[in-house]
Structure formats: structure tokens, C-alpha cells
N, C-alpha and C. Protein backbone atom coordinates (compact mmCIF):
# COMPACT_ATOMS: atom_id res chain seq x y z
N MET A 1 -18.45 61.77 21.07
CA MET A 1 -18.49 61.76 22.52
C MET A 1 -19.85 61.20 22.96
N GLU A 2 -19.82 60.31 23.91
CA GLU A 2 -21.05 59.71 24.41
C GLU A 2 -21.66 60.61 25.48
N ALA A 3 -22.95 60.41 25.74
CA ALA A 3 -23.67 61.25 26.71
C ALA A 3 -22.99 61.25 28.08
N ILE A 4 -22.58 60.08 28.54
CA ILE A 4 -21.94 59.99 29.86
C ILE A 4 -20.64 60.80 29.91
N ASP A 5 -20.00 60.92 28.76
CA ASP A 5 -18.74 61.66 28.73
C ASP A 5 -18.94 63.12 29.15
N GLY A 6 -20.06 63.72 28.80
CA GLY A 6 -20.36 65.09 29.22
C GLY A 6 -20.50 65.19 30.73
N GLU A 7 -21.16 64.21 31.32
CA GLU A 7 -21.29 64.18 32.78
C GLU A 7 -19.91 64.02 33.43
N ILE A 8 -19.09 63.17 32.84
CA ILE A 8 -17.74 62.95 33.36
C ILE A 8 -16.94 64.25 33.30
N LEU A 9 -17.06 64.97 32.19
CA LEU A 9 -16.35 66.25 32.07
C LEU A 9 -16.78 67.21 33.17
N ASP A 10 -18.07 67.28 33.44
CA ASP A 10 -18.56 68.16 34.49
C ASP A 10 -17.98 67.78 35.86
N GLN A 11 -17.93 66.49 36.14
CA GLN A 11 -17.39 66.03 37.42
C GLN A 11 -15.89 66.32 37.51
N LEU A 12 -15.18 66.11 36.40
CA LEU A 12 -13.74 66.35 36.41
C LEU A 12 -13.40 67.84 36.55
N LYS A 13 -14.28 68.70 36.07
CA LYS A 13 -14.07 70.14 36.29
C LYS A 13 -14.09 70.43 37.79
N GLN A 14 -14.97 69.74 38.51
CA GLN A 14 -15.02 69.92 39.96
C GLN A 14 -13.74 69.42 40.62
N VAL A 15 -13.21 68.31 40.12
CA VAL A 15 -11.94 67.77 40.65
C VAL A 15 -10.82 68.77 40.37
N GLU A 16 -10.77 69.25 39.16
CA GLU A 16 -9.72 70.19 38.76
C GLU A 16 -9.78 71.48 39.58
N ASN A 17 -10.99 71.91 39.94
CA ASN A 17 -11.17 73.14 40.71
C ASN A 17 -11.09 72.93 42.21
N GLY A 18 -10.83 71.69 42.64
CA GLY A 18 -10.70 71.41 44.06
C GLY A 18 -12.03 71.27 44.79
N GLN A 19 -13.13 71.19 44.06
CA GLN A 19 -14.46 71.05 44.67
C GLN A 19 -14.81 69.59 44.95
N MET A 20 -14.03 68.68 44.40
CA MET A 20 -14.24 67.25 44.57
C MET A 20 -12.87 66.57 44.58
N THR A 21 -12.71 65.57 45.43
CA THR A 21 -11.44 64.84 45.45
C THR A 21 -11.46 63.75 44.38
N VAL A 22 -10.30 63.21 44.09
CA VAL A 22 -10.22 62.09 43.15
C VAL A 22 -10.99 60.89 43.70
N VAL A 23 -10.92 60.67 44.99
CA VAL A 23 -11.65 59.55 45.61
C VAL A 23 -13.15 59.75 45.43
N GLU A 24 -13.63 60.96 45.65
CA GLU A 24 -15.05 61.24 45.45
C GLU A 24 -15.44 61.04 43.98
N PHE A 25 -14.57 61.48 43.08
CA PHE A 25 -14.83 61.29 41.65
C PHE A 25 -14.91 59.80 41.32
N GLU A 26 -13.96 59.03 41.82
CA GLU A 26 -13.96 57.59 41.55
C GLU A 26 -15.21 56.94 42.14
N ASP A 27 -15.61 57.36 43.33
CA ASP A 27 -16.83 56.83 43.95
C ASP A 27 -18.07 57.15 43.11
N TRP A 28 -18.06 58.28 42.43
CA TRP A 28 -19.16 58.65 41.53
C TRP A 28 -19.07 57.87 40.22
N LEU A 29 -17.85 57.78 39.67
CA LEU A 29 -17.62 57.20 38.35
C LEU A 29 -17.95 55.71 38.27
N VAL A 30 -17.47 54.94 39.22
CA VAL A 30 -17.59 53.48 39.13
C VAL A 30 -19.04 53.01 38.98
N PRO A 31 -19.94 53.37 39.89
CA PRO A 31 -21.31 52.88 39.71
C PRO A 31 -22.02 53.51 38.51
N LYS A 32 -21.64 54.73 38.16
CA LYS A 32 -22.28 55.44 37.05
C LYS A 32 -21.91 54.83 35.69
N THR A 33 -20.73 54.20 35.61
CA THR A 33 -20.23 53.74 34.31
C THR A 33 -19.94 52.25 34.24
N TRP A 34 -20.42 51.47 35.20
CA TRP A 34 -20.06 50.06 35.25
C TRP A 34 -20.43 49.31 33.98
N ASP A 35 -21.45 49.77 33.25
CA ASP A 35 -21.86 49.08 32.03
C ASP A 35 -21.57 49.91 30.78
N THR A 36 -20.70 50.90 30.90
CA THR A 36 -20.35 51.78 29.79
C THR A 36 -19.01 51.36 29.20
N ARG A 37 -18.96 51.36 27.90
CA ARG A 37 -17.72 50.94 27.22
C ARG A 37 -17.09 52.07 26.39
N SER A 38 -17.31 53.31 26.80
CA SER A 38 -16.74 54.41 26.02
C SER A 38 -15.22 54.42 26.18
N GLU A 39 -14.57 54.99 25.21
CA GLU A 39 -13.11 55.09 25.24
C GLU A 39 -12.65 55.90 26.44
N LEU A 40 -13.38 56.97 26.75
CA LEU A 40 -13.02 57.80 27.89
C LEU A 40 -13.11 57.01 29.19
N VAL A 41 -14.19 56.27 29.37
CA VAL A 41 -14.35 55.49 30.60
C VAL A 41 -13.21 54.48 30.73
N ALA A 42 -12.84 53.84 29.63
CA ALA A 42 -11.74 52.88 29.66
C ALA A 42 -10.43 53.55 30.08
N GLU A 43 -10.16 54.73 29.52
CA GLU A 43 -8.94 55.47 29.86
C GLU A 43 -8.93 55.88 31.33
N LEU A 44 -10.07 56.37 31.81
CA LEU A 44 -10.15 56.81 33.20
C LEU A 44 -10.00 55.63 34.15
N ASP A 45 -10.66 54.51 33.83
CA ASP A 45 -10.53 53.31 34.66
C ASP A 45 -9.08 52.87 34.75
N HIS A 46 -8.40 52.88 33.62
CA HIS A 46 -6.98 52.46 33.59
C HIS A 46 -6.13 53.41 34.44
N THR A 47 -6.36 54.69 34.30
CA THR A 47 -5.58 55.67 35.06
C THR A 47 -5.85 55.54 36.55
N LEU A 48 -7.12 55.38 36.92
CA LEU A 48 -7.46 55.23 38.34
C LEU A 48 -6.89 53.94 38.92
N ALA A 49 -6.78 52.91 38.10
CA ALA A 49 -6.21 51.65 38.58
C ALA A 49 -4.73 51.80 38.92
N GLU A 50 -4.07 52.76 38.29
CA GLU A 50 -2.65 52.99 38.54
C GLU A 50 -2.39 54.22 39.40
N LYS A 51 -3.42 54.67 40.13
CA LYS A 51 -3.30 55.92 40.88
C LYS A 51 -2.22 55.89 41.94
N SER A 52 -1.86 54.72 42.45
CA SER A 52 -0.83 54.66 43.48
C SER A 52 0.55 55.01 42.91
N LEU A 53 0.68 55.01 41.59
CA LEU A 53 1.97 55.32 40.95
C LEU A 53 2.13 56.81 40.65
N LEU A 54 1.04 57.58 40.86
CA LEU A 54 1.05 59.00 40.51
C LEU A 54 0.80 59.86 41.74
N THR A 55 1.30 61.09 41.68
CA THR A 55 0.93 62.04 42.72
C THR A 55 -0.51 62.48 42.45
N GLU A 56 -1.14 63.10 43.43
CA GLU A 56 -2.52 63.60 43.25
C GLU A 56 -2.58 64.58 42.08
N GLU A 57 -1.59 65.45 41.99
CA GLU A 57 -1.55 66.43 40.91
C GLU A 57 -1.42 65.76 39.54
N GLN A 58 -0.54 64.76 39.44
CA GLN A 58 -0.38 64.03 38.19
C GLN A 58 -1.66 63.30 37.81
N LEU A 59 -2.30 62.70 38.79
CA LEU A 59 -3.52 61.96 38.56
C LEU A 59 -4.63 62.88 38.03
N VAL A 60 -4.82 64.00 38.67
CA VAL A 60 -5.83 64.96 38.21
C VAL A 60 -5.50 65.42 36.79
N SER A 61 -4.24 65.71 36.54
CA SER A 61 -3.82 66.15 35.21
C SER A 61 -4.13 65.11 34.14
N GLU A 62 -3.83 63.85 34.44
CA GLU A 62 -4.10 62.76 33.49
C GLU A 62 -5.60 62.62 33.24
N LEU A 63 -6.40 62.62 34.30
CA LEU A 63 -7.84 62.45 34.17
C LEU A 63 -8.45 63.59 33.34
N VAL A 64 -8.06 64.81 33.65
CA VAL A 64 -8.59 65.96 32.93
C VAL A 64 -8.14 65.95 31.47
N SER A 65 -6.91 65.54 31.24
CA SER A 65 -6.40 65.46 29.87
C SER A 65 -7.21 64.48 29.03
N PHE A 66 -7.49 63.30 29.56
CA PHE A 66 -8.30 62.32 28.83
C PHE A 66 -9.69 62.87 28.54
N ALA A 67 -10.27 63.54 29.51
CA ALA A 67 -11.61 64.08 29.35
C ALA A 67 -11.64 65.17 28.27
N ARG A 68 -10.64 66.02 28.26
CA ARG A 68 -10.59 67.08 27.24
C ARG A 68 -10.40 66.50 25.85
N GLU A 69 -9.56 65.48 25.73
CA GLU A 69 -9.38 64.82 24.44
C GLU A 69 -10.69 64.21 23.95
N ALA A 70 -11.43 63.57 24.85
CA ALA A 70 -12.70 62.95 24.49
C ALA A 70 -13.70 64.01 24.02
N ALA A 71 -13.68 65.17 24.66
CA ALA A 71 -14.61 66.24 24.31
C ALA A 71 -14.35 66.78 22.90
N LEU A 72 -13.12 66.65 22.46
CA LEU A 72 -12.76 67.18 21.14
C LEU A 72 -13.04 66.19 20.01
N LYS A 73 -13.22 64.92 20.34
CA LYS A 73 -13.45 63.90 19.32
C LYS A 73 -14.89 63.96 18.83
N PRO A 74 -15.09 63.75 17.51
CA PRO A 74 -16.47 63.72 17.01
C PRO A 74 -17.20 62.47 17.51
N ALA A 75 -18.50 62.57 17.62
CA ALA A 75 -19.31 61.42 18.06
C ALA A 75 -19.26 60.33 17.00
N HIS A 76 -19.32 59.07 17.47
CA HIS A 76 -19.36 57.93 16.55
C HIS A 76 -20.70 57.92 15.84
N SER A 77 -20.68 57.62 14.57
CA SER A 77 -21.94 57.61 13.80
C SER A 77 -22.51 56.23 13.62
N GLY A 78 -22.00 55.25 14.34
CA GLY A 78 -22.50 53.90 14.13
C GLY A 78 -22.81 53.30 15.36
């Protein structure tokens, strides 16, 4: 897991708890990760790009799911 991924997890916890909207999360995420190539960032970008196809609940579920999976993966050693 990359350092930014921990920050993303913290922000997504706020989304999941209703303390932040998905729009607010996206507004935070885009400038924070524009030069980041982590797997999690790629997954979140893809999901957010298709947000019009999902309900708010589905979108939050997908975002949180990707973040939890990333948190469980070991850090890359190279």
C-alpha cells in the first residue's frame, strides 16, 4: 500500500460515515493524486468516471471496497 492510499482510506471512512459526500471526496482526490499511479487511485478514478451509472449507495460501496482491498495488500518491494 502506498502512503497516499492511507490518506484515501481516511477520506473514504468519512464518506462511508456520511461526513463527506462523494463529490467532496472526488474534489479532494483529483488534485491530491493527479501524479499518482497506485492501483487504488486507478480503481477509484475508473469508478468515479462511471458514477452516473451507479446509485450514491452503490458508488460509496464500490469506493470503500477498493480501498479496503488496497489496505489488505502488502506494500510493493520494488
